Amino acid sequence: MAEWGIFTRRRFIRDGLSLIGMGASVPSFLCSTVEALAGPESSVPAGRSSDHRILVVLQMAGGNDGLNTIIPIRQDPYYRARPTLAIKPDKALSLDQELGFHPSAVGLKSLFDDGYLSIVRGVGYPNPNRSHFKSTDIWATGAPDGRQHEGWLGRYFDHECSGQDPIDPKLGLALVQEAPLAMRGSRFLPIAFEKAERLSLQGIGGDPVTAKVIRAFNRPDEDQVSTPSTTLEFLRRTALDAQLSAEEIRTAATTSAGKVSFPGSALGKSLRMIHRMIAGGLPTRVYYASLGGFDTHANQGGRHGGLLADLGKSLQAFVAALKSSGNLDRTLLMTFSEFGRRVQENASRGTDHGAAAPMFLVGSQVHPGLHGQSPSLDRLRDGDLAYTVDFRRVYATVLQDWLKSDPVKILHGRFKTLPLIKG
């Protein structure tokens, strides 16, 4: 076991966390340890686990078509550019005299009418990139110039937990296969898992090499001298802490909390699990989920409508559940997508990669309604909508007015906030 000494504890914690989600291919003691290495209870922000503010980040992955989400019902250029995809004015769900929701976005319209939805129009960044990977990285790091390599939320945790080593990874939970870049800091790495039951991992059966390693860590023999200062003893202690932490997450995620019915879609299940973990009193400050399928290059009509219907219904259920459990006032959900779609529909009755698109903020503490300026259809930039709101302004608003953190230190720049959050 001497070879374990070449790893520092910090490196083990940092590198080991990337093993989350690998399931039965990793020994159980190691999976448990890296999934939930328990650090001291965080103060991000100050408060008990039952009253701290919570941010839920929802990625609309693939590039949501903003023009067919928030429809410019009075704009002739929209109808000329989209002879088959344009939504007729009498079909759109009216927001005001100029704009309407896609007819399938009934849930979003209901949240808007009930005062739980804030819409930020025309969000983007300078010199937009149409690559899924590059643009997603830009949104994740909050750095269009590519000079930041950690996520904006990862830097938030690094900043707020500057006196802790390690930072409790339970502060950020991502319901995706791999920890998203947005939540990765220089010191902080979240726990990532798709299903709560995967936190109860087992070792490989029948593999003598793995079995020997497991026995070495869990049942030391006489030749293994173990003291509190050795790496071996450190791993044993953290494995025990990990078991308790994983059990805490698993219990919260699988315990019923309320009678609200969620859609049976992947998004509905993710938001139901997030609600259960919030209601279960976990110390988590940021949750991350994803809804894919927005890369609508062909036959966009029905596909896009189905996605917006799922989004609206799932968010409606999430708000209703949070309200029922008494957690709505302390929870804010924010959506983003890596880019919008081009104004002109293509020959496949779809839309290609574009630029600006709307963002949604959901909760009882948002200033509901329309914010920002709609991009002009008369002044396109390379066939795309020109952004009117820099996405870092939205991030700065969430950091300052919701998470009560300094956006200048985290975003490495000063961005004017928006009137999106009450108080």
Protein backbone atom coordinates (compact mmCIF):
# COMPACT_ATOMS: atom_id res chain seq x y z
CA MET A 1 0.00 0.00 0.00
CA ALA A 2 3.03 2.29 0.04
CA GLU A 3 2.26 3.55 -3.45
CA TRP A 4 -0.74 5.48 -2.09
CA GLY A 5 1.71 7.78 -0.36
CA ILE A 6 2.60 9.48 -3.63
CA PHE A 7 -0.81 11.16 -3.64
CA THR A 8 -1.47 14.15 -1.43
CA ARG A 9 -4.80 14.16 0.35
CA ARG A 10 -5.91 17.24 -1.53
CA ARG A 11 -5.07 15.65 -4.88
CA PHE A 12 -6.88 12.47 -3.91
CA ILE A 13 -9.99 14.43 -3.03
CA ARG A 14 -9.84 16.55 -6.20
CA ASP A 15 -9.01 13.75 -8.67
CA GLY A 16 -11.03 11.09 -6.91
CA LEU A 17 -14.28 12.99 -7.22
CA SER A 18 -14.18 12.48 -10.98
CA LEU A 19 -14.92 8.80 -10.34
CA ILE A 20 -18.50 9.59 -9.31
CA GLY A 21 -21.03 7.83 -11.49
CA MET A 22 -18.74 4.99 -12.56
CA GLY A 23 -20.82 2.60 -10.51
CA ALA A 24 -19.77 -0.99 -10.02
CA SER A 25 -16.54 -0.60 -11.93
CA VAL A 26 -14.96 1.09 -8.91
CA PRO A 27 -14.33 -0.48 -5.49
CA SER A 28 -17.03 0.45 -2.97
CA PHE A 29 -14.69 2.02 -0.42
CA LEU A 30 -13.26 4.32 -3.08
CA CYS A 31 -16.64 5.24 -4.59
CA SER A 32 -18.05 6.06 -1.19
CA THR A 33 -15.05 8.13 -0.26
CA VAL A 34 -14.91 10.21 -3.42
CA GLU A 35 -18.65 10.73 -3.59
CA ALA A 36 -18.99 12.52 -0.30
CA LEU A 37 -15.77 13.34 1.48
CA ALA A 38 -17.15 15.13 4.47
CA GLY A 39 -15.67 18.49 5.30
CA PRO A 40 -16.84 20.93 7.96
CA GLU A 41 -20.35 22.32 7.62
CA SER A 42 -20.13 25.29 5.31
CA SER A 43 -21.35 28.82 5.92
CA VAL A 44 -22.29 29.47 2.27
CA PRO A 45 -24.32 31.56 2.92
CA ALA A 46 -24.78 31.80 6.69
CA GLY A 47 -27.77 29.88 8.02
CA ARG A 48 -29.06 26.45 8.89
CA SER A 49 -29.71 23.90 6.18
CA SER A 50 -33.43 24.64 6.61
CA ASP A 51 -33.25 28.34 5.80
CA HIS A 52 -30.31 29.11 3.48
CA ARG A 53 -31.02 30.31 -0.05
CA ILE A 54 -30.85 27.79 -2.87
CA LEU A 55 -30.08 28.23 -6.56
CA VAL A 56 -31.20 25.64 -9.12
CA VAL A 57 -29.50 25.95 -12.51
CA LEU A 58 -31.29 24.29 -15.43
CA GLN A 59 -29.45 23.91 -18.73
CA MET A 60 -31.61 23.82 -21.87
CA ALA A 61 -28.96 21.91 -23.76
CA GLY A 62 -28.57 22.11 -27.52
CA GLY A 63 -29.48 25.72 -28.19
CA ASN A 64 -33.08 26.75 -27.53
CA ASP A 65 -34.88 28.61 -30.32
CA GLY A 66 -35.74 31.85 -28.57
CA LEU A 67 -37.80 33.20 -31.48
CA ASN A 68 -40.26 30.31 -31.28
CA THR A 69 -40.27 30.42 -27.49
CA ILE A 70 -41.05 34.13 -27.11
CA ILE A 71 -42.75 34.97 -30.40
CA PRO A 72 -42.70 38.47 -31.95
CA ILE A 73 -46.31 38.29 -33.10
CA ARG A 74 -46.30 41.76 -34.71
CA GLN A 75 -43.05 41.42 -36.66
CA ASP A 76 -43.35 40.73 -40.38
CA PRO A 77 -39.64 39.80 -40.76
CA TYR A 78 -40.24 36.86 -38.41
CA TYR A 79 -43.02 35.47 -40.59
CA ARG A 80 -41.07 36.04 -43.81
CA ALA A 81 -38.02 34.21 -42.43
CA ARG A 82 -40.04 31.22 -41.19
CA PRO A 83 -42.70 30.24 -43.70
CA THR A 84 -43.32 26.83 -42.08
CA LEU A 85 -42.09 27.29 -38.47
CA ALA A 86 -43.57 30.68 -37.57
CA ILE A 87 -46.31 30.59 -34.94
CA LYS A 88 -49.39 32.51 -36.04
CA PRO A 89 -50.48 35.39 -33.78
CA ASP A 90 -53.81 33.78 -32.91
CA LYS A 91 -52.03 30.59 -31.77
CA ALA A 92 -49.46 32.27 -29.51
CA LEU A 93 -50.15 32.62 -25.77
CA SER A 94 -50.21 36.38 -25.35
CA LEU A 95 -47.69 38.06 -23.03
CA ASP A 96 -48.37 41.60 -24.20
CA GLN A 97 -49.38 43.34 -27.43
CA GLU A 98 -46.06 42.44 -29.10
CA LEU A 99 -45.05 39.05 -27.74
CA GLY A 100 -46.50 35.63 -27.05
CA PHE A 101 -45.41 32.22 -25.78
CA HIS A 102 -45.28 29.15 -28.01
CA PRO A 103 -48.75 27.50 -27.81
CA SER A 104 -47.23 24.42 -26.15
CA ALA A 105 -45.69 26.49 -23.34
CA VAL A 106 -48.89 26.44 -21.28
CA GLY A 107 -47.03 25.80 -18.03
CA LEU A 108 -44.64 28.69 -18.61
CA LYS A 109 -47.57 30.99 -19.41
CA SER A 110 -49.30 29.93 -16.19
CA LEU A 111 -46.16 30.68 -14.14
CA PHE A 112 -45.93 34.06 -15.89
CA ASP A 113 -49.55 34.90 -15.10
CA ASP A 114 -49.15 33.78 -11.48
CA GLY A 115 -46.12 36.04 -10.95
CA TYR A 116 -43.49 33.32 -10.63
CA LEU A 117 -41.64 33.83 -13.93
CA SER A 118 -39.15 36.48 -14.96
CA ILE A 119 -38.10 36.55 -18.64
CA VAL A 120 -34.82 38.18 -19.68
CA ARG A 121 -34.89 38.83 -23.43
CA GLY A 122 -32.03 38.86 -25.90
CA VAL A 123 -29.32 37.34 -23.68
CA GLY A 124 -25.93 36.61 -25.22
CA TYR A 125 -22.34 37.82 -25.32
CA PRO A 126 -19.90 39.64 -27.66
CA ASN A 127 -18.59 37.77 -30.71
CA PRO A 128 -20.89 34.74 -30.27
CA ASN A 129 -19.54 31.27 -30.92
CA ARG A 130 -21.81 28.76 -32.68
CA SER A 131 -20.01 25.63 -31.42
CA HIS A 132 -21.99 23.70 -28.82
CA PHE A 133 -18.86 22.87 -26.85
CA LYS A 134 -17.16 26.25 -27.01
CA SER A 135 -20.29 28.26 -26.29
CA THR A 136 -21.28 25.98 -23.41
CA ASP A 137 -17.80 26.48 -21.95
CA ILE A 138 -18.22 30.25 -22.29
CA TRP A 139 -21.49 30.18 -20.37
CA ALA A 140 -19.99 27.79 -17.81
CA THR A 141 -16.91 29.90 -17.11
CA GLY A 142 -18.57 33.28 -17.55
CA ALA A 143 -15.67 34.28 -19.80
CA PRO A 144 -16.25 34.93 -23.53
CA ASP A 145 -12.54 35.68 -23.91
CA GLY A 146 -11.61 32.16 -22.80
CA ARG A 147 -9.32 33.37 -20.02
CA GLN A 148 -11.12 31.57 -17.19
CA HIS A 149 -10.82 27.82 -16.78
CA GLU A 150 -12.96 27.33 -13.68
CA GLY A 151 -16.76 27.56 -13.63
CA TRP A 152 -18.50 30.68 -12.36
CA LEU A 153 -20.29 28.69 -9.65
CA GLY A 154 -17.10 26.81 -8.83
CA ARG A 155 -15.41 30.18 -8.26
CA TYR A 156 -18.36 31.18 -6.08
CA PHE A 157 -17.72 28.20 -3.80
CA ASP A 158 -13.95 28.78 -3.88
CA HIS A 159 -14.52 32.38 -2.79
CA GLU A 160 -17.14 31.77 -0.11
CA CYS A 161 -15.38 28.71 1.37
CA SER A 162 -11.87 30.18 1.32
CA GLY A 163 -11.07 28.96 4.84
CA GLN A 164 -12.11 25.34 4.33
CA ASP A 165 -9.98 22.48 3.07
CA PRO A 166 -11.57 20.44 1.67
CA ILE A 167 -14.81 22.20 0.78
CA ASP A 168 -17.82 20.01 1.48
CA PRO A 169 -18.81 18.68 -1.98
CA LYS A 170 -22.43 18.28 -0.85
CA LEU A 171 -22.78 22.06 -1.16
CA GLY A 172 -23.20 21.53 -4.91
CA LEU A 173 -25.13 18.61 -6.39
CA ALA A 174 -25.43 18.01 -10.13
CA LEU A 175 -28.06 15.59 -11.43
CA VAL A 176 -26.06 14.79 -14.53
CA GLN A 177 -23.56 12.08 -15.43
CA GLU A 178 -20.46 14.23 -15.03
CA ALA A 179 -19.79 17.24 -12.84
CA PRO A 180 -20.51 20.28 -15.07
CA LEU A 181 -17.75 22.80 -15.74
CA ALA A 182 -19.95 25.61 -14.37
CA MET A 183 -19.64 24.11 -10.86
CA ARG A 184 -15.95 23.18 -10.97
CA GLY A 185 -13.62 25.53 -9.12
CA SER A 186 -9.91 25.44 -8.38
CA ARG A 187 -10.75 23.89 -4.99
CA PHE A 188 -14.42 22.94 -5.23
CA LEU A 189 -15.87 19.99 -7.13
CA PRO A 190 -19.53 18.99 -6.75
CA ILE A 191 -21.08 15.57 -6.38
CA ALA A 192 -22.61 14.42 -9.66
CA PHE A 193 -25.08 11.55 -10.02
CA GLU A 194 -28.11 10.79 -12.17
CA LYS A 195 -29.92 8.43 -9.81
CA ALA A 196 -29.90 8.48 -6.02
CA GLU A 197 -29.51 4.73 -5.79
CA ARG A 198 -26.11 5.00 -7.52
CA LEU A 199 -24.82 6.52 -4.30
CA SER A 200 -25.03 3.00 -2.88
CA LEU A 201 -22.24 1.47 -4.92
CA GLN A 202 -20.80 -2.01 -4.68
CA GLY A 203 -17.37 -3.29 -5.58
CA ILE A 204 -16.61 -5.70 -8.38
CA GLY A 205 -17.51 -9.26 -7.54
CA GLY A 206 -15.07 -12.01 -8.42
CA ASP A 207 -12.08 -9.80 -9.23
CA PRO A 208 -9.25 -11.01 -6.93
CA VAL A 209 -7.16 -7.86 -7.43
CA THR A 210 -10.02 -5.54 -6.49
CA ALA A 211 -11.01 -7.82 -3.62
CA LYS A 212 -7.47 -7.66 -2.21
CA VAL A 213 -7.45 -3.86 -2.37
CA ILE A 214 -10.86 -3.64 -0.69
CA ARG A 215 -9.72 -5.97 2.11
CA ALA A 216 -6.55 -3.95 2.54
CA PHE A 217 -8.48 -0.79 3.19
CA ASN A 218 -11.37 -2.19 5.19
CA ARG A 219 -9.68 -5.00 7.14
CA PRO A 220 -5.98 -4.21 7.69
CA ASP A 221 -3.67 -7.08 8.63
CA GLU A 222 -0.78 -7.09 11.06
CA ASP A 223 1.73 -5.87 8.47
CA GLN A 224 -0.15 -2.65 7.88
CA VAL A 225 0.76 -0.08 10.47
CA SER A 226 -2.00 2.52 10.62
CA THR A 227 -1.85 5.79 12.53
CA PRO A 228 -4.08 8.88 12.27
CA SER A 229 -1.43 10.59 10.15
CA THR A 230 -1.08 7.91 7.48
CA THR A 231 -2.82 8.05 4.10
CA LEU A 232 -4.31 4.63 4.79
CA GLU A 233 -5.93 5.76 8.03
CA PHE A 234 -7.08 8.96 6.34
CA LEU A 235 -8.84 6.94 3.67
CA ARG A 236 -10.51 4.69 6.24
CA ARG A 237 -11.82 7.67 8.20
CA THR A 238 -13.06 9.49 5.14
CA ALA A 239 -14.68 6.30 3.84
CA LEU A 240 -16.76 6.15 7.02
CA ASP A 241 -17.65 9.84 6.70
CA ALA A 242 -18.49 9.22 3.07
CA GLN A 243 -20.85 6.38 3.90
CA LEU A 244 -22.79 8.64 6.25
CA SER A 245 -22.85 11.51 3.73
CA ALA A 246 -23.99 9.30 0.87
CA GLU A 247 -26.73 7.90 3.08
CA GLU A 248 -27.82 11.43 3.92
CA ILE A 249 -28.15 12.35 0.24
CA ARG A 250 -29.80 9.07 -0.70
CA THR A 251 -32.35 9.32 2.12
CA ALA A 252 -33.27 12.89 1.25
CA ALA A 253 -33.53 12.11 -2.47
CA THR A 254 -35.77 9.07 -2.07
CA THR A 255 -38.04 10.16 0.78
CA SER A 256 -41.46 11.43 -0.26
CA ALA A 257 -42.03 15.12 0.44
CA GLY A 258 -45.57 16.20 -0.42
CA LYS A 259 -48.29 14.99 -2.74
CA VAL A 260 -47.58 17.11 -5.83
CA SER A 261 -47.46 15.02 -9.00
CA PHE A 262 -44.49 15.62 -11.31
CA PRO A 263 -44.33 14.68 -15.01
CA GLY A 264 -42.76 11.30 -15.68
CA SER A 265 -40.16 12.84 -18.00
CA ALA A 266 -36.45 12.93 -17.19
CA LEU A 267 -36.75 16.61 -16.25
CA GLY A 268 -39.78 15.97 -14.09
CA LYS A 269 -37.91 13.24 -12.23
CA SER A 270 -34.84 15.46 -11.75
CA LEU A 271 -36.85 18.35 -10.34
CA ARG A 272 -38.81 15.99 -8.11
CA MET A 273 -35.54 14.65 -6.71
CA ILE A 274 -34.18 18.18 -6.21
CA HIS A 275 -37.35 19.15 -4.36
CA ARG A 276 -37.03 16.12 -2.10
CA MET A 277 -33.42 16.97 -1.28
CA ILE A 278 -34.36 20.57 -0.52
CA ALA A 279 -37.26 19.45 1.67
CA GLY A 280 -34.97 16.89 3.29
CA GLY A 281 -32.77 19.67 4.68
CA LEU A 282 -29.52 18.99 2.84
CA PRO A 283 -26.88 21.74 3.16
CA THR A 284 -26.76 22.05 -0.65
CA ARG A 285 -26.64 25.62 -1.97
CA VAL A 286 -26.61 24.95 -5.72
CA TYR A 287 -28.33 22.20 -7.70
CA TYR A 288 -27.75 21.61 -11.41
CA ALA A 289 -30.00 19.78 -13.88
CA SER A 290 -30.26 19.51 -17.66
CA LEU A 291 -32.95 19.14 -20.31
CA GLY A 292 -31.52 18.13 -23.68
CA GLY A 293 -32.90 17.98 -27.21
CA PHE A 294 -32.91 21.65 -28.24
CA ASP A 295 -30.55 21.17 -31.22
CA THR A 296 -33.46 21.36 -33.67
CA HIS A 297 -31.83 21.35 -37.12
CA ALA A 298 -34.67 19.38 -38.73
CA ASN A 299 -38.43 19.03 -38.21
CA GLN A 300 -38.33 21.48 -35.34
CA GLY A 301 -42.06 22.14 -34.97
CA GLY A 302 -43.30 19.17 -32.94
CA ARG A 303 -40.02 18.50 -31.16
CA HIS A 304 -39.61 22.03 -29.88
CA GLY A 305 -43.22 22.21 -28.77
CA GLY A 306 -42.84 19.00 -26.80
CA LEU A 307 -39.73 20.29 -25.04
CA LEU A 308 -41.43 23.55 -24.05
CA ALA A 309 -44.47 21.64 -22.81
CA ASP A 310 -42.26 19.40 -20.66
CA LEU A 311 -40.33 22.40 -19.35
CA GLY A 312 -43.49 24.27 -18.41
CA LYS A 313 -45.23 21.33 -16.73
CA SER A 314 -42.11 20.31 -14.81
CA LEU A 315 -41.48 23.85 -13.57
CA GLN A 316 -45.12 24.21 -12.55
CA ALA A 317 -44.88 21.04 -10.48
CA PHE A 318 -41.58 22.18 -8.97
CA VAL A 319 -43.06 25.50 -7.86
CA ALA A 320 -46.18 23.81 -6.47
CA ALA A 321 -44.08 21.28 -4.52
CA LEU A 322 -41.77 23.96 -3.12
CA LYS A 323 -44.77 26.00 -2.06
CA SER A 324 -46.37 22.97 -0.38
CA SER A 325 -43.19 22.15 1.57
CA GLY A 326 -42.56 25.77 2.60
CA ASN A 327 -39.37 26.13 0.54
CA LEU A 328 -40.50 28.33 -2.35
CA ASP A 329 -39.36 31.64 -0.86
CA ARG A 330 -35.78 30.41 -0.49
CA THR A 331 -35.42 28.73 -3.89
CA LEU A 332 -34.58 30.37 -7.22
CA LEU A 333 -34.37 28.48 -10.52
CA MET A 334 -32.48 29.91 -13.49
CA THR A 335 -32.37 28.51 -17.02
CA PHE A 336 -29.74 28.99 -19.71
CA SER A 337 -28.99 27.63 -23.18
CA GLU A 338 -25.65 27.86 -24.98
CA PHE A 339 -27.15 29.92 -27.82
CA GLY A 340 -30.37 30.63 -29.70
CA ARG A 341 -31.16 29.65 -33.29
CA ARG A 342 -30.79 31.52 -36.57
CA VAL A 343 -33.66 33.70 -37.69
CA GLN A 344 -34.08 32.06 -41.11
CA GLU A 345 -35.43 28.51 -41.06
CA ASN A 346 -33.45 25.99 -43.08
CA ALA A 347 -34.48 23.60 -45.86
CA SER A 348 -35.14 20.82 -43.32
CA ARG A 349 -37.84 22.81 -41.52
CA GLY A 350 -35.50 23.42 -38.66
CA THR A 351 -33.13 26.14 -37.49
CA ASP A 352 -29.35 26.23 -37.25
CA HIS A 353 -27.07 27.55 -34.51
CA GLY A 354 -27.61 31.22 -33.73
CA ALA A 355 -26.93 33.70 -30.96
CA ALA A 356 -29.19 35.58 -28.53
CA ALA A 357 -32.10 33.89 -26.70
CA PRO A 358 -34.18 34.40 -23.53
CA MET A 359 -33.35 33.23 -20.01
CA PHE A 360 -35.96 32.37 -17.38
CA LEU A 361 -35.85 32.92 -13.62
CA VAL A 362 -38.51 31.12 -11.57
CA GLY A 363 -39.56 31.62 -7.97
CA SER A 364 -41.65 33.67 -5.57
CA GLN A 365 -38.86 36.20 -5.06
CA VAL A 366 -38.42 37.25 -8.71
CA HIS A 367 -39.77 40.44 -10.20
CA PRO A 368 -42.11 38.77 -12.71
CA GLY A 369 -42.58 39.90 -16.27
CA LEU A 370 -40.40 40.90 -19.20
CA HIS A 371 -36.91 42.32 -18.70
CA GLY A 372 -34.34 43.60 -21.15
CA GLN A 373 -34.98 44.58 -24.74
CA SER A 374 -36.11 42.25 -27.51
CA PRO A 375 -33.47 41.96 -30.26
CA SER A 376 -34.36 43.73 -33.48
CA LEU A 377 -35.29 41.62 -36.50
CA ASP A 378 -34.35 44.53 -38.75
CA ARG A 379 -30.73 44.71 -37.58
CA LEU A 380 -29.35 41.20 -37.68
CA ARG A 381 -25.68 40.35 -37.26
CA ASP A 382 -24.57 37.66 -39.74
CA GLY A 383 -28.14 36.41 -39.87
CA ASP A 384 -28.44 36.20 -36.08
CA LEU A 385 -30.22 38.23 -33.45
CA ALA A 386 -27.83 40.68 -31.83
CA TYR A 387 -27.79 40.30 -28.07
CA THR A 388 -29.17 43.13 -25.92
CA VAL A 389 -28.25 41.75 -22.46
CA ASP A 390 -24.84 40.30 -21.58
CA PHE A 391 -25.39 36.99 -19.75
CA ARG A 392 -22.87 38.08 -17.13
CA ARG A 393 -25.35 40.75 -16.02
CA VAL A 394 -27.77 37.96 -15.12
CA TYR A 395 -25.01 36.06 -13.31
CA ALA A 396 -23.99 39.21 -11.44
CA THR A 397 -27.61 39.75 -10.38
CA VAL A 398 -27.98 36.19 -9.10
CA LEU A 399 -24.63 36.34 -7.26
CA GLN A 400 -25.27 39.73 -5.64
CA ASP A 401 -29.02 39.80 -5.03
CA TRP A 402 -29.70 36.11 -4.39
CA LEU A 403 -26.51 34.40 -3.20
CA LYS A 404 -25.28 37.58 -1.48
CA SER A 405 -21.79 37.25 -2.89
CA ASP A 406 -19.44 39.71 -4.60
CA PRO A 407 -19.92 39.32 -8.37
CA VAL A 408 -16.84 41.41 -9.20
CA LYS A 409 -14.51 38.95 -7.49
CA ILE A 410 -16.20 35.93 -9.04
CA LEU A 411 -16.80 37.23 -12.57
CA HIS A 412 -13.54 39.22 -12.61
CA GLY A 413 -15.35 42.26 -13.93
CA ARG A 414 -18.10 44.72 -13.10
CA PHE A 415 -21.46 44.05 -14.76
CA LYS A 416 -24.57 46.10 -14.17
CA THR A 417 -27.22 44.11 -12.37
CA LEU A 418 -30.85 43.80 -13.46
CA PRO A 419 -34.04 44.29 -11.40
CA LEU A 420 -34.86 40.58 -11.35
CA ILE A 421 -34.98 39.73 -7.64
CA LYS A 422 -37.11 41.27 -4.90
CA GLY A 423 -35.62 42.99 -1.89
